[in-house]
N, C-alpha and C. Protein backbone atom coordinates (compact mmCIF):
# COMPACT_ATOMS: atom_id res chain seq x y z
N MET A 1 35.68 14.44 -16.44
CA MET A 1 34.76 14.98 -15.42
C MET A 1 35.50 15.00 -14.09
N ASN A 2 35.44 16.12 -13.35
CA ASN A 2 36.13 16.18 -12.07
C ASN A 2 35.36 15.40 -11.02
N THR A 3 35.97 15.22 -9.83
CA THR A 3 35.38 14.39 -8.78
C THR A 3 34.05 14.95 -8.29
N THR A 4 34.00 16.29 -8.13
CA THR A 4 32.78 16.93 -7.63
C THR A 4 31.63 16.72 -8.60
N ALA A 5 31.90 16.95 -9.90
CA ALA A 5 30.86 16.78 -10.91
C ALA A 5 30.40 15.33 -10.97
N SER A 6 31.37 14.40 -10.87
CA SER A 6 31.02 12.98 -10.91
C SER A 6 30.14 12.58 -9.75
N THR A 7 30.47 13.09 -8.56
CA THR A 7 29.67 12.79 -7.37
C THR A 7 28.27 13.34 -7.50
N THR A 8 28.17 14.56 -8.02
CA THR A 8 26.86 15.19 -8.21
C THR A 8 26.00 14.39 -9.19
N ALA A 9 26.62 13.95 -10.28
CA ALA A 9 25.89 13.18 -11.28
C ALA A 9 25.44 11.84 -10.71
N THR A 10 26.32 11.21 -9.94
CA THR A 10 25.97 9.93 -9.34
C THR A 10 24.81 10.07 -8.37
N THR A 11 24.84 11.14 -7.55
CA THR A 11 23.77 11.39 -6.59
C THR A 11 22.45 11.63 -7.29
N ALA A 12 22.48 12.42 -8.36
CA ALA A 12 21.26 12.74 -9.10
C ALA A 12 20.68 11.48 -9.72
N THR A 13 21.59 10.63 -10.27
CA THR A 13 21.11 9.39 -10.88
C THR A 13 20.48 8.48 -9.85
N ALA A 14 21.13 8.37 -8.67
CA ALA A 14 20.62 7.51 -7.61
C ALA A 14 19.26 7.95 -7.13
N SER A 15 19.04 9.30 -7.10
CA SER A 15 17.77 9.82 -6.60
C SER A 15 16.62 9.51 -7.55
N ARG A 16 16.94 9.15 -8.80
CA ARG A 16 15.89 8.86 -9.78
C ARG A 16 15.63 7.36 -9.92
N ARG A 17 16.42 6.53 -9.23
CA ARG A 17 16.22 5.09 -9.34
C ARG A 17 15.07 4.62 -8.48
N PRO A 18 14.41 3.49 -8.87
CA PRO A 18 13.41 2.93 -7.99
C PRO A 18 14.09 2.50 -6.69
N GLY A 19 13.59 2.92 -5.59
CA GLY A 19 14.21 2.59 -4.32
C GLY A 19 13.28 2.91 -3.19
N ARG A 20 13.84 2.84 -2.00
CA ARG A 20 13.04 3.07 -0.81
C ARG A 20 12.39 4.45 -0.86
N GLY A 21 11.10 4.50 -0.65
CA GLY A 21 10.40 5.77 -0.61
C GLY A 21 9.86 6.22 -1.94
N GLY A 22 10.26 5.58 -3.04
CA GLY A 22 9.80 6.01 -4.36
C GLY A 22 8.30 5.89 -4.51
N ARG A 23 7.75 4.76 -4.13
CA ARG A 23 6.31 4.54 -4.25
C ARG A 23 5.55 5.55 -3.40
N GLU A 24 6.03 5.78 -2.18
CA GLU A 24 5.35 6.73 -1.28
C GLU A 24 5.39 8.14 -1.84
N ARG A 25 6.53 8.53 -2.44
CA ARG A 25 6.63 9.87 -3.03
C ARG A 25 5.67 10.01 -4.21
N ILE A 26 5.57 8.96 -5.00
CA ILE A 26 4.66 9.01 -6.15
C ILE A 26 3.22 9.16 -5.68
N LEU A 27 2.82 8.38 -4.69
CA LEU A 27 1.44 8.46 -4.19
C LEU A 27 1.16 9.82 -3.55
N ALA A 28 2.13 10.35 -2.82
CA ALA A 28 1.94 11.67 -2.20
C ALA A 28 1.81 12.75 -3.27
N ALA A 29 2.63 12.66 -4.32
CA ALA A 29 2.55 13.63 -5.41
C ALA A 29 1.22 13.52 -6.13
N ALA A 30 0.78 12.29 -6.39
CA ALA A 30 -0.50 12.08 -7.06
C ALA A 30 -1.64 12.64 -6.22
N ALA A 31 -1.60 12.42 -4.92
CA ALA A 31 -2.66 12.93 -4.05
C ALA A 31 -2.74 14.45 -4.12
N ARG A 32 -1.60 15.11 -4.10
CA ARG A 32 -1.60 16.58 -4.18
C ARG A 32 -2.17 17.05 -5.51
N LEU A 33 -1.73 16.44 -6.59
CA LEU A 33 -2.18 16.87 -7.92
C LEU A 33 -3.64 16.53 -8.16
N PHE A 34 -4.07 15.35 -7.75
CA PHE A 34 -5.47 14.99 -7.92
C PHE A 34 -6.38 15.94 -7.16
N ALA A 35 -5.97 16.32 -5.95
CA ALA A 35 -6.79 17.23 -5.14
C ALA A 35 -6.82 18.63 -5.75
N ALA A 36 -5.69 19.05 -6.31
CA ALA A 36 -5.60 20.42 -6.83
C ALA A 36 -6.26 20.60 -8.18
N GLN A 37 -6.16 19.57 -9.06
CA GLN A 37 -6.62 19.80 -10.43
C GLN A 37 -7.48 18.67 -11.00
N GLY A 38 -7.72 17.63 -10.21
CA GLY A 38 -8.54 16.52 -10.68
C GLY A 38 -7.70 15.41 -11.28
N ILE A 39 -8.28 14.22 -11.33
CA ILE A 39 -7.56 13.05 -11.83
C ILE A 39 -7.33 13.15 -13.34
N GLY A 40 -8.39 13.50 -14.07
CA GLY A 40 -8.28 13.53 -15.52
C GLY A 40 -7.27 14.54 -16.04
N ALA A 41 -7.12 15.65 -15.33
CA ALA A 41 -6.21 16.71 -15.77
C ALA A 41 -4.76 16.45 -15.37
N THR A 42 -4.53 15.39 -14.62
CA THR A 42 -3.18 15.08 -14.13
C THR A 42 -2.56 13.98 -14.98
N GLY A 43 -1.44 14.29 -15.61
CA GLY A 43 -0.75 13.30 -16.43
C GLY A 43 0.32 12.56 -15.64
N MET A 44 0.70 11.41 -16.13
CA MET A 44 1.73 10.61 -15.46
C MET A 44 3.08 11.34 -15.42
N GLU A 45 3.42 12.04 -16.50
CA GLU A 45 4.68 12.78 -16.50
C GLU A 45 4.69 13.86 -15.42
N GLN A 46 3.55 14.49 -15.23
CA GLN A 46 3.45 15.53 -14.20
C GLN A 46 3.64 14.91 -12.80
N VAL A 47 3.09 13.73 -12.59
CA VAL A 47 3.27 13.04 -11.31
C VAL A 47 4.74 12.71 -11.10
N ALA A 48 5.41 12.24 -12.15
CA ALA A 48 6.84 11.91 -12.05
C ALA A 48 7.66 13.15 -11.68
N GLU A 49 7.35 14.28 -12.28
CA GLU A 49 8.07 15.52 -11.98
C GLU A 49 7.82 15.99 -10.56
N GLU A 50 6.57 15.82 -10.11
CA GLU A 50 6.20 16.28 -8.78
C GLU A 50 6.82 15.40 -7.69
N ALA A 51 7.07 14.12 -7.97
CA ALA A 51 7.48 13.17 -6.93
C ALA A 51 8.79 13.49 -6.20
N PRO A 52 9.93 13.78 -6.83
CA PRO A 52 10.28 13.56 -8.22
C PRO A 52 10.91 12.18 -8.41
N VAL A 53 10.54 11.52 -9.50
CA VAL A 53 11.15 10.25 -9.89
C VAL A 53 11.23 10.23 -11.41
N SER A 54 12.02 9.30 -11.93
CA SER A 54 12.06 9.14 -13.38
C SER A 54 10.77 8.46 -13.85
N LYS A 55 10.47 8.62 -15.12
CA LYS A 55 9.29 7.93 -15.66
C LYS A 55 9.47 6.42 -15.57
N ARG A 56 10.69 5.97 -15.69
CA ARG A 56 10.95 4.53 -15.57
C ARG A 56 10.58 4.04 -14.17
N THR A 57 10.93 4.83 -13.17
CA THR A 57 10.59 4.47 -11.79
C THR A 57 9.07 4.49 -11.59
N LEU A 58 8.45 5.52 -12.12
CA LEU A 58 7.00 5.64 -11.98
C LEU A 58 6.29 4.41 -12.55
N TYR A 59 6.68 4.02 -13.77
CA TYR A 59 6.00 2.89 -14.42
C TYR A 59 6.44 1.55 -13.84
N ALA A 60 7.56 1.53 -13.14
CA ALA A 60 7.96 0.31 -12.44
C ALA A 60 7.01 0.04 -11.27
N HIS A 61 6.51 1.12 -10.66
CA HIS A 61 5.59 0.98 -9.53
C HIS A 61 4.13 0.90 -9.98
N PHE A 62 3.80 1.66 -11.01
CA PHE A 62 2.41 1.74 -11.48
C PHE A 62 2.41 1.63 -13.01
N ARG A 63 2.00 0.48 -13.49
CA ARG A 63 2.08 0.20 -14.92
C ARG A 63 1.19 1.12 -15.74
N THR A 64 0.02 1.49 -15.19
CA THR A 64 -0.91 2.37 -15.89
C THR A 64 -1.41 3.45 -14.92
N LYS A 65 -2.05 4.44 -15.50
CA LYS A 65 -2.64 5.49 -14.66
C LYS A 65 -3.76 4.91 -13.80
N ASN A 66 -4.52 3.98 -14.36
CA ASN A 66 -5.58 3.33 -13.56
C ASN A 66 -5.00 2.70 -12.30
N ASP A 67 -3.84 2.03 -12.45
CA ASP A 67 -3.20 1.41 -11.29
C ASP A 67 -2.85 2.47 -10.24
N LEU A 68 -2.36 3.60 -10.70
CA LEU A 68 -2.00 4.68 -9.77
C LEU A 68 -3.24 5.23 -9.07
N VAL A 69 -4.30 5.45 -9.82
CA VAL A 69 -5.52 6.01 -9.24
C VAL A 69 -6.11 5.05 -8.20
N ILE A 70 -6.16 3.77 -8.52
CA ILE A 70 -6.72 2.80 -7.58
C ILE A 70 -5.85 2.72 -6.33
N ALA A 71 -4.54 2.75 -6.49
CA ALA A 71 -3.65 2.73 -5.32
C ALA A 71 -3.87 3.97 -4.46
N HIS A 72 -4.08 5.10 -5.11
CA HIS A 72 -4.38 6.34 -4.38
C HIS A 72 -5.67 6.21 -3.59
N LEU A 73 -6.72 5.70 -4.22
CA LEU A 73 -8.01 5.55 -3.55
C LEU A 73 -7.93 4.51 -2.44
N ARG A 74 -7.20 3.43 -2.70
CA ARG A 74 -7.05 2.39 -1.68
C ARG A 74 -6.32 2.96 -0.45
N GLY A 75 -5.32 3.79 -0.69
CA GLY A 75 -4.61 4.42 0.42
C GLY A 75 -5.51 5.32 1.23
N LEU A 76 -6.38 6.06 0.56
CA LEU A 76 -7.33 6.91 1.27
C LEU A 76 -8.27 6.07 2.13
N ALA A 77 -8.77 4.97 1.56
CA ALA A 77 -9.69 4.11 2.30
C ALA A 77 -9.02 3.51 3.53
N GLN A 78 -7.77 3.09 3.39
CA GLN A 78 -7.06 2.48 4.50
C GLN A 78 -6.65 3.49 5.56
N SER A 79 -6.48 4.75 5.15
CA SER A 79 -6.07 5.78 6.10
C SER A 79 -7.20 6.23 7.02
N GLY A 80 -8.44 5.99 6.62
CA GLY A 80 -9.58 6.47 7.38
C GLY A 80 -9.92 7.92 7.10
N ALA A 81 -9.20 8.55 6.17
CA ALA A 81 -9.42 9.97 5.87
C ALA A 81 -10.49 10.16 4.81
N THR A 82 -11.63 9.45 4.97
CA THR A 82 -12.76 9.58 4.06
C THR A 82 -14.03 9.69 4.89
N LEU A 83 -15.14 9.94 4.23
CA LEU A 83 -16.40 10.10 4.95
C LEU A 83 -16.68 8.92 5.87
N GLU A 84 -16.49 7.71 5.34
CA GLU A 84 -16.85 6.52 6.11
C GLU A 84 -15.78 6.09 7.10
N GLY A 85 -14.62 6.77 7.10
CA GLY A 85 -13.55 6.38 7.98
C GLY A 85 -13.94 6.36 9.45
N VAL A 86 -14.81 7.27 9.85
CA VAL A 86 -15.21 7.35 11.25
C VAL A 86 -16.04 6.15 11.68
N LEU A 87 -16.65 5.45 10.75
CA LEU A 87 -17.57 4.37 11.09
C LEU A 87 -16.87 3.19 11.76
N THR A 88 -15.56 3.07 11.59
CA THR A 88 -14.83 1.96 12.20
C THR A 88 -14.15 2.37 13.51
N ARG A 89 -14.40 3.59 13.95
CA ARG A 89 -13.76 4.10 15.17
C ARG A 89 -14.44 3.53 16.41
N GLN A 90 -13.84 2.50 17.00
CA GLN A 90 -14.43 1.89 18.19
C GLN A 90 -14.29 2.76 19.43
N ASP A 91 -13.46 3.79 19.35
CA ASP A 91 -13.31 4.71 20.48
C ASP A 91 -14.38 5.80 20.47
N VAL A 92 -15.25 5.79 19.46
CA VAL A 92 -16.31 6.79 19.34
C VAL A 92 -17.65 6.07 19.51
N PRO A 93 -18.56 6.59 20.35
CA PRO A 93 -19.87 5.94 20.53
C PRO A 93 -20.61 5.81 19.20
N PRO A 94 -21.45 4.76 19.05
CA PRO A 94 -22.10 4.48 17.77
C PRO A 94 -22.87 5.67 17.19
N ARG A 95 -23.71 6.31 18.00
CA ARG A 95 -24.50 7.41 17.44
C ARG A 95 -23.61 8.57 17.01
N GLU A 96 -22.54 8.80 17.75
CA GLU A 96 -21.62 9.87 17.38
C GLU A 96 -20.90 9.53 16.07
N ARG A 97 -20.65 8.25 15.84
CA ARG A 97 -20.05 7.86 14.55
C ARG A 97 -20.97 8.24 13.40
N ILE A 98 -22.27 8.01 13.58
CA ILE A 98 -23.23 8.40 12.54
C ILE A 98 -23.23 9.92 12.36
N ARG A 99 -23.19 10.65 13.45
CA ARG A 99 -23.19 12.12 13.36
C ARG A 99 -21.96 12.62 12.60
N ARG A 100 -20.82 12.02 12.88
CA ARG A 100 -19.58 12.47 12.24
C ARG A 100 -19.49 12.08 10.77
N LEU A 101 -20.37 11.22 10.35
CA LEU A 101 -20.43 10.84 8.94
C LEU A 101 -20.68 12.06 8.05
N PHE A 102 -21.20 13.13 8.63
CA PHE A 102 -21.57 14.32 7.86
C PHE A 102 -20.53 15.43 7.99
N ASP A 103 -19.39 15.11 8.59
CA ASP A 103 -18.27 16.05 8.63
C ASP A 103 -17.38 15.81 7.42
N GLN A 104 -16.87 16.87 6.83
CA GLN A 104 -15.91 16.71 5.75
C GLN A 104 -14.58 16.21 6.31
N PRO A 105 -13.93 15.25 5.65
CA PRO A 105 -12.64 14.77 6.13
C PRO A 105 -11.64 15.90 6.25
N ALA A 106 -10.85 15.87 7.32
CA ALA A 106 -9.83 16.91 7.53
C ALA A 106 -8.80 16.82 6.40
N THR A 107 -8.47 17.94 5.81
CA THR A 107 -7.51 17.97 4.72
C THR A 107 -6.85 19.33 4.64
N ASP A 108 -5.63 19.33 4.14
CA ASP A 108 -4.92 20.60 3.94
C ASP A 108 -5.28 21.22 2.60
N ALA A 109 -5.97 20.45 1.76
CA ALA A 109 -6.29 20.94 0.42
C ALA A 109 -7.48 21.89 0.46
N ALA A 110 -7.45 22.88 -0.38
CA ALA A 110 -8.56 23.79 -0.56
C ALA A 110 -8.74 23.97 -2.07
N PRO A 111 -9.92 24.12 -2.56
CA PRO A 111 -11.19 24.17 -1.84
C PRO A 111 -11.66 22.79 -1.40
N VAL A 112 -12.89 22.74 -0.84
CA VAL A 112 -13.49 21.49 -0.39
C VAL A 112 -13.63 20.54 -1.57
N ARG A 113 -13.25 19.28 -1.37
CA ARG A 113 -13.26 18.31 -2.46
C ARG A 113 -14.35 17.25 -2.34
N GLY A 114 -15.03 17.15 -1.21
CA GLY A 114 -16.09 16.18 -1.07
C GLY A 114 -15.56 14.76 -0.97
N CYS A 115 -16.30 13.80 -1.52
CA CYS A 115 -15.94 12.39 -1.44
C CYS A 115 -15.03 12.01 -2.61
N PRO A 116 -13.81 11.50 -2.34
CA PRO A 116 -12.90 11.16 -3.44
C PRO A 116 -13.40 10.00 -4.29
N PHE A 117 -14.21 9.10 -3.72
CA PHE A 117 -14.72 7.97 -4.50
C PHE A 117 -15.78 8.43 -5.50
N ILE A 118 -16.63 9.36 -5.07
CA ILE A 118 -17.61 9.93 -6.00
C ILE A 118 -16.90 10.72 -7.09
N ASP A 119 -15.89 11.50 -6.70
CA ASP A 119 -15.13 12.27 -7.68
C ASP A 119 -14.49 11.35 -8.71
N ALA A 120 -13.89 10.25 -8.23
CA ALA A 120 -13.22 9.32 -9.14
C ALA A 120 -14.22 8.65 -10.08
N ALA A 121 -15.37 8.23 -9.54
CA ALA A 121 -16.38 7.60 -10.38
C ALA A 121 -16.89 8.57 -11.45
N ALA A 122 -17.00 9.84 -11.10
CA ALA A 122 -17.45 10.84 -12.07
C ALA A 122 -16.42 11.04 -13.19
N GLU A 123 -15.13 10.93 -12.85
CA GLU A 123 -14.09 11.11 -13.85
C GLU A 123 -13.85 9.85 -14.68
N PHE A 124 -14.33 8.71 -14.18
CA PHE A 124 -14.26 7.45 -14.92
C PHE A 124 -15.69 6.90 -15.01
N PRO A 125 -16.53 7.48 -15.88
CA PRO A 125 -17.96 7.18 -15.86
C PRO A 125 -18.35 5.79 -16.34
N ASP A 126 -17.46 5.09 -17.03
CA ASP A 126 -17.79 3.75 -17.50
C ASP A 126 -17.91 2.82 -16.29
N PRO A 127 -19.10 2.26 -16.01
CA PRO A 127 -19.27 1.40 -14.83
C PRO A 127 -18.36 0.18 -14.82
N GLN A 128 -17.85 -0.21 -16.00
CA GLN A 128 -16.98 -1.38 -16.10
C GLN A 128 -15.51 -1.05 -15.89
N SER A 129 -15.17 0.23 -15.82
CA SER A 129 -13.76 0.60 -15.65
C SER A 129 -13.29 0.21 -14.25
N ALA A 130 -11.99 -0.05 -14.14
CA ALA A 130 -11.42 -0.50 -12.87
C ALA A 130 -11.60 0.55 -11.77
N VAL A 131 -11.42 1.82 -12.12
CA VAL A 131 -11.54 2.87 -11.12
C VAL A 131 -12.98 3.01 -10.66
N HIS A 132 -13.90 3.04 -11.61
CA HIS A 132 -15.32 3.16 -11.25
C HIS A 132 -15.75 1.97 -10.39
N SER A 133 -15.29 0.79 -10.75
CA SER A 133 -15.65 -0.41 -9.99
C SER A 133 -15.14 -0.33 -8.56
N TYR A 134 -13.92 0.17 -8.39
CA TYR A 134 -13.38 0.29 -7.04
C TYR A 134 -14.17 1.32 -6.23
N ALA A 135 -14.51 2.43 -6.87
CA ALA A 135 -15.31 3.45 -6.18
C ALA A 135 -16.66 2.88 -5.75
N ARG A 136 -17.27 2.09 -6.62
CA ARG A 136 -18.55 1.46 -6.29
C ARG A 136 -18.40 0.52 -5.09
N GLU A 137 -17.33 -0.25 -5.07
CA GLU A 137 -17.08 -1.15 -3.93
C GLU A 137 -17.02 -0.38 -2.62
N GLN A 138 -16.37 0.77 -2.66
CA GLN A 138 -16.24 1.56 -1.43
C GLN A 138 -17.57 2.16 -1.00
N LYS A 139 -18.40 2.53 -1.95
CA LYS A 139 -19.72 3.07 -1.61
C LYS A 139 -20.62 1.97 -1.04
N LEU A 140 -20.48 0.75 -1.56
CA LEU A 140 -21.24 -0.37 -0.99
C LEU A 140 -20.71 -0.73 0.39
N ARG A 141 -19.41 -0.65 0.56
CA ARG A 141 -18.81 -0.90 1.88
C ARG A 141 -19.31 0.12 2.90
N MET A 142 -19.49 1.35 2.46
CA MET A 142 -19.99 2.40 3.34
C MET A 142 -21.34 2.00 3.94
N VAL A 143 -22.24 1.52 3.10
CA VAL A 143 -23.56 1.08 3.58
C VAL A 143 -23.40 -0.08 4.56
N HIS A 144 -22.53 -1.02 4.23
CA HIS A 144 -22.30 -2.17 5.12
C HIS A 144 -21.82 -1.70 6.50
N LEU A 145 -20.91 -0.73 6.52
CA LEU A 145 -20.41 -0.22 7.80
C LEU A 145 -21.51 0.50 8.58
N ILE A 146 -22.35 1.25 7.88
CA ILE A 146 -23.45 1.94 8.56
C ILE A 146 -24.41 0.93 9.15
N VAL A 147 -24.69 -0.15 8.42
CA VAL A 147 -25.56 -1.21 8.94
C VAL A 147 -24.99 -1.73 10.26
N GLY A 148 -23.68 -1.93 10.33
CA GLY A 148 -23.07 -2.42 11.55
C GLY A 148 -23.25 -1.47 12.72
N VAL A 149 -23.10 -0.18 12.46
CA VAL A 149 -23.28 0.82 13.53
C VAL A 149 -24.74 0.87 13.98
N LEU A 150 -25.66 0.84 13.03
CA LEU A 150 -27.08 0.86 13.38
C LEU A 150 -27.48 -0.39 14.17
N THR A 151 -26.87 -1.51 13.85
CA THR A 151 -27.14 -2.73 14.61
C THR A 151 -26.67 -2.58 16.05
N GLU A 152 -25.52 -1.93 16.23
CA GLU A 152 -25.04 -1.64 17.59
C GLU A 152 -26.06 -0.79 18.35
N LEU A 153 -26.71 0.10 17.65
CA LEU A 153 -27.69 1.00 18.27
C LEU A 153 -29.03 0.31 18.53
N GLY A 154 -29.20 -0.91 18.01
CA GLY A 154 -30.43 -1.64 18.24
C GLY A 154 -31.50 -1.38 17.20
N CYS A 155 -31.11 -0.89 16.02
CA CYS A 155 -32.09 -0.63 14.96
C CYS A 155 -32.67 -1.95 14.47
N ARG A 156 -34.00 -2.02 14.35
CA ARG A 156 -34.68 -3.26 13.98
C ARG A 156 -34.47 -3.62 12.51
N ASP A 157 -34.45 -2.64 11.63
CA ASP A 157 -34.32 -2.89 10.19
C ASP A 157 -33.25 -1.94 9.65
N PRO A 158 -31.97 -2.27 9.83
CA PRO A 158 -30.91 -1.28 9.58
C PRO A 158 -30.61 -0.98 8.11
N LEU A 159 -30.85 -1.92 7.20
CA LEU A 159 -30.41 -1.70 5.82
C LEU A 159 -31.09 -0.51 5.13
N PRO A 160 -32.43 -0.39 5.17
CA PRO A 160 -33.04 0.78 4.52
C PRO A 160 -32.55 2.10 5.12
N LEU A 161 -32.42 2.14 6.44
CA LEU A 161 -31.94 3.37 7.07
C LEU A 161 -30.48 3.63 6.69
N ALA A 162 -29.68 2.58 6.58
CA ALA A 162 -28.29 2.76 6.18
C ALA A 162 -28.20 3.37 4.78
N GLU A 163 -29.05 2.91 3.87
CA GLU A 163 -29.06 3.48 2.52
C GLU A 163 -29.46 4.95 2.56
N GLN A 164 -30.43 5.29 3.40
CA GLN A 164 -30.86 6.68 3.52
C GLN A 164 -29.74 7.57 4.07
N LEU A 165 -29.06 7.07 5.10
CA LEU A 165 -27.98 7.85 5.71
C LEU A 165 -26.79 8.00 4.75
N ALA A 166 -26.49 6.93 3.99
CA ALA A 166 -25.41 7.02 3.01
C ALA A 166 -25.75 8.03 1.92
N THR A 167 -27.02 8.03 1.51
CA THR A 167 -27.46 9.00 0.50
C THR A 167 -27.34 10.43 1.02
N LEU A 168 -27.73 10.63 2.26
CA LEU A 168 -27.59 11.96 2.87
C LEU A 168 -26.12 12.38 2.94
N ALA A 169 -25.25 11.46 3.37
CA ALA A 169 -23.84 11.78 3.53
C ALA A 169 -23.18 12.09 2.18
N ASP A 170 -23.46 11.25 1.18
CA ASP A 170 -22.87 11.48 -0.14
C ASP A 170 -23.42 12.76 -0.77
N GLY A 171 -24.72 13.00 -0.61
CA GLY A 171 -25.31 14.22 -1.16
C GLY A 171 -24.74 15.45 -0.50
N ALA A 172 -24.57 15.40 0.82
CA ALA A 172 -24.01 16.55 1.54
C ALA A 172 -22.56 16.79 1.11
N ALA A 173 -21.79 15.71 0.92
CA ALA A 173 -20.40 15.86 0.49
C ALA A 173 -20.32 16.50 -0.89
N SER A 174 -21.21 16.09 -1.78
CA SER A 174 -21.22 16.65 -3.13
C SER A 174 -21.59 18.13 -3.11
N ARG A 175 -22.61 18.49 -2.33
CA ARG A 175 -23.00 19.89 -2.25
C ARG A 175 -21.93 20.72 -1.53
N ALA A 176 -21.26 20.13 -0.55
CA ALA A 176 -20.17 20.84 0.12
C ALA A 176 -19.08 21.20 -0.88
N MET A 177 -18.79 20.26 -1.81
CA MET A 177 -17.79 20.51 -2.83
C MET A 177 -18.24 21.61 -3.79
N VAL A 178 -19.49 21.50 -4.27
CA VAL A 178 -20.00 22.47 -5.24
C VAL A 178 -20.04 23.88 -4.63
N LEU A 179 -20.49 23.96 -3.37
CA LEU A 179 -20.64 25.26 -2.71
C LEU A 179 -19.38 25.70 -1.98
N ASP A 180 -18.36 24.83 -1.93
CA ASP A 180 -17.13 25.10 -1.19
C ASP A 180 -17.44 25.49 0.26
N ASP A 181 -18.27 24.67 0.89
CA ASP A 181 -18.71 24.91 2.27
C ASP A 181 -18.45 23.65 3.08
N ALA A 182 -17.35 23.64 3.83
CA ALA A 182 -16.95 22.44 4.58
C ALA A 182 -17.96 22.07 5.66
N ASP A 183 -18.80 23.01 6.07
CA ASP A 183 -19.77 22.75 7.14
C ASP A 183 -21.15 22.43 6.59
N TYR A 184 -21.25 22.18 5.29
CA TYR A 184 -22.57 21.96 4.71
C TYR A 184 -23.26 20.72 5.27
N GLY A 185 -22.50 19.78 5.77
CA GLY A 185 -23.07 18.55 6.29
C GLY A 185 -24.02 18.75 7.45
N ARG A 186 -24.01 19.92 8.06
CA ARG A 186 -24.92 20.17 9.20
C ARG A 186 -26.37 19.99 8.79
N HIS A 187 -26.71 20.29 7.56
CA HIS A 187 -28.10 20.16 7.11
C HIS A 187 -28.49 18.68 7.02
N ALA A 188 -27.61 17.87 6.46
CA ALA A 188 -27.89 16.44 6.36
C ALA A 188 -27.87 15.79 7.74
N ARG A 189 -26.99 16.28 8.62
CA ARG A 189 -26.93 15.73 9.97
C ARG A 189 -28.25 15.93 10.70
N ALA A 190 -28.87 17.08 10.53
CA ALA A 190 -30.15 17.36 11.17
C ALA A 190 -31.22 16.38 10.66
N ALA A 191 -31.22 16.11 9.36
CA ALA A 191 -32.17 15.14 8.81
C ALA A 191 -31.88 13.73 9.33
N ALA A 192 -30.59 13.40 9.45
CA ALA A 192 -30.21 12.08 9.95
C ALA A 192 -30.67 11.87 11.39
N GLU A 193 -30.60 12.91 12.19
CA GLU A 193 -31.04 12.81 13.59
C GLU A 193 -32.53 12.45 13.65
N VAL A 194 -33.31 13.05 12.78
CA VAL A 194 -34.75 12.75 12.74
C VAL A 194 -34.97 11.29 12.36
N LEU A 195 -34.26 10.82 11.34
CA LEU A 195 -34.40 9.43 10.91
C LEU A 195 -33.97 8.46 12.02
N LEU A 196 -32.88 8.78 12.70
CA LEU A 196 -32.41 7.92 13.78
C LEU A 196 -33.41 7.88 14.93
N ASP A 197 -33.91 9.04 15.32
CA ASP A 197 -34.88 9.09 16.42
C ASP A 197 -36.11 8.24 16.11
N GLN A 198 -36.58 8.37 14.88
CA GLN A 198 -37.76 7.61 14.47
C GLN A 198 -37.48 6.11 14.46
N ALA A 199 -36.32 5.70 13.92
CA ALA A 199 -36.00 4.27 13.84
C ALA A 199 -35.77 3.66 15.20
N LEU A 200 -35.11 4.40 16.09
CA LEU A 200 -34.75 3.83 17.39
C LEU A 200 -35.91 3.87 18.39
N ARG A 201 -37.00 4.58 18.07
CA ARG A 201 -38.19 4.55 18.92
C ARG A 201 -39.03 3.32 18.66
N GLN A 202 -38.80 2.69 17.48
CA GLN A 202 -39.61 1.52 17.15
C GLN A 202 -39.18 0.34 18.01
N PRO A 203 -40.12 -0.45 18.48
CA PRO A 203 -39.77 -1.59 19.33
C PRO A 203 -38.97 -2.65 18.58
N VAL A 204 -37.99 -3.23 19.25
CA VAL A 204 -37.17 -4.25 18.63
C VAL A 204 -37.95 -5.56 18.59
């Protein structure tokens, strides 16, 4: 083998080894594929090709597909790029945080995908599965965050209203996905305003 060919082979081999950036490339590839074709339709080999990494590298980072899916969802939750992400924004006034709950998360993907936790739970319908359980945790966390915002607003009984607002937000996200209408949340936002006005008029 000549020097040029040897160098090329060495470089190609190095690019397939587990190393710096491998995990990030895998997660980025998975996010693109999951958004484009769904979790169930995306195979691990396809993720490896898209990253690109070797299958050995892929499984070194993520032992199973469930591990990859949960890492993907956890990354979304930590990024704030989900429906409930706005609820922790201390730079946004409390009532405006509730209003923005009905905006679809900004994304480069098309068509509209709605809530990734609901999508994941639908693709892993067994309530005992790791992915479904994680999605459920995030939906419960959403209600907890809404309760905190409503408490800031002075709501006397925030939990029932938080459940109502979460139901409106999740329902709007699902319909936005089905209808491919990123602005569909305006309908739920109007209903939420009525609920907020009614709750906040009650004496504390």
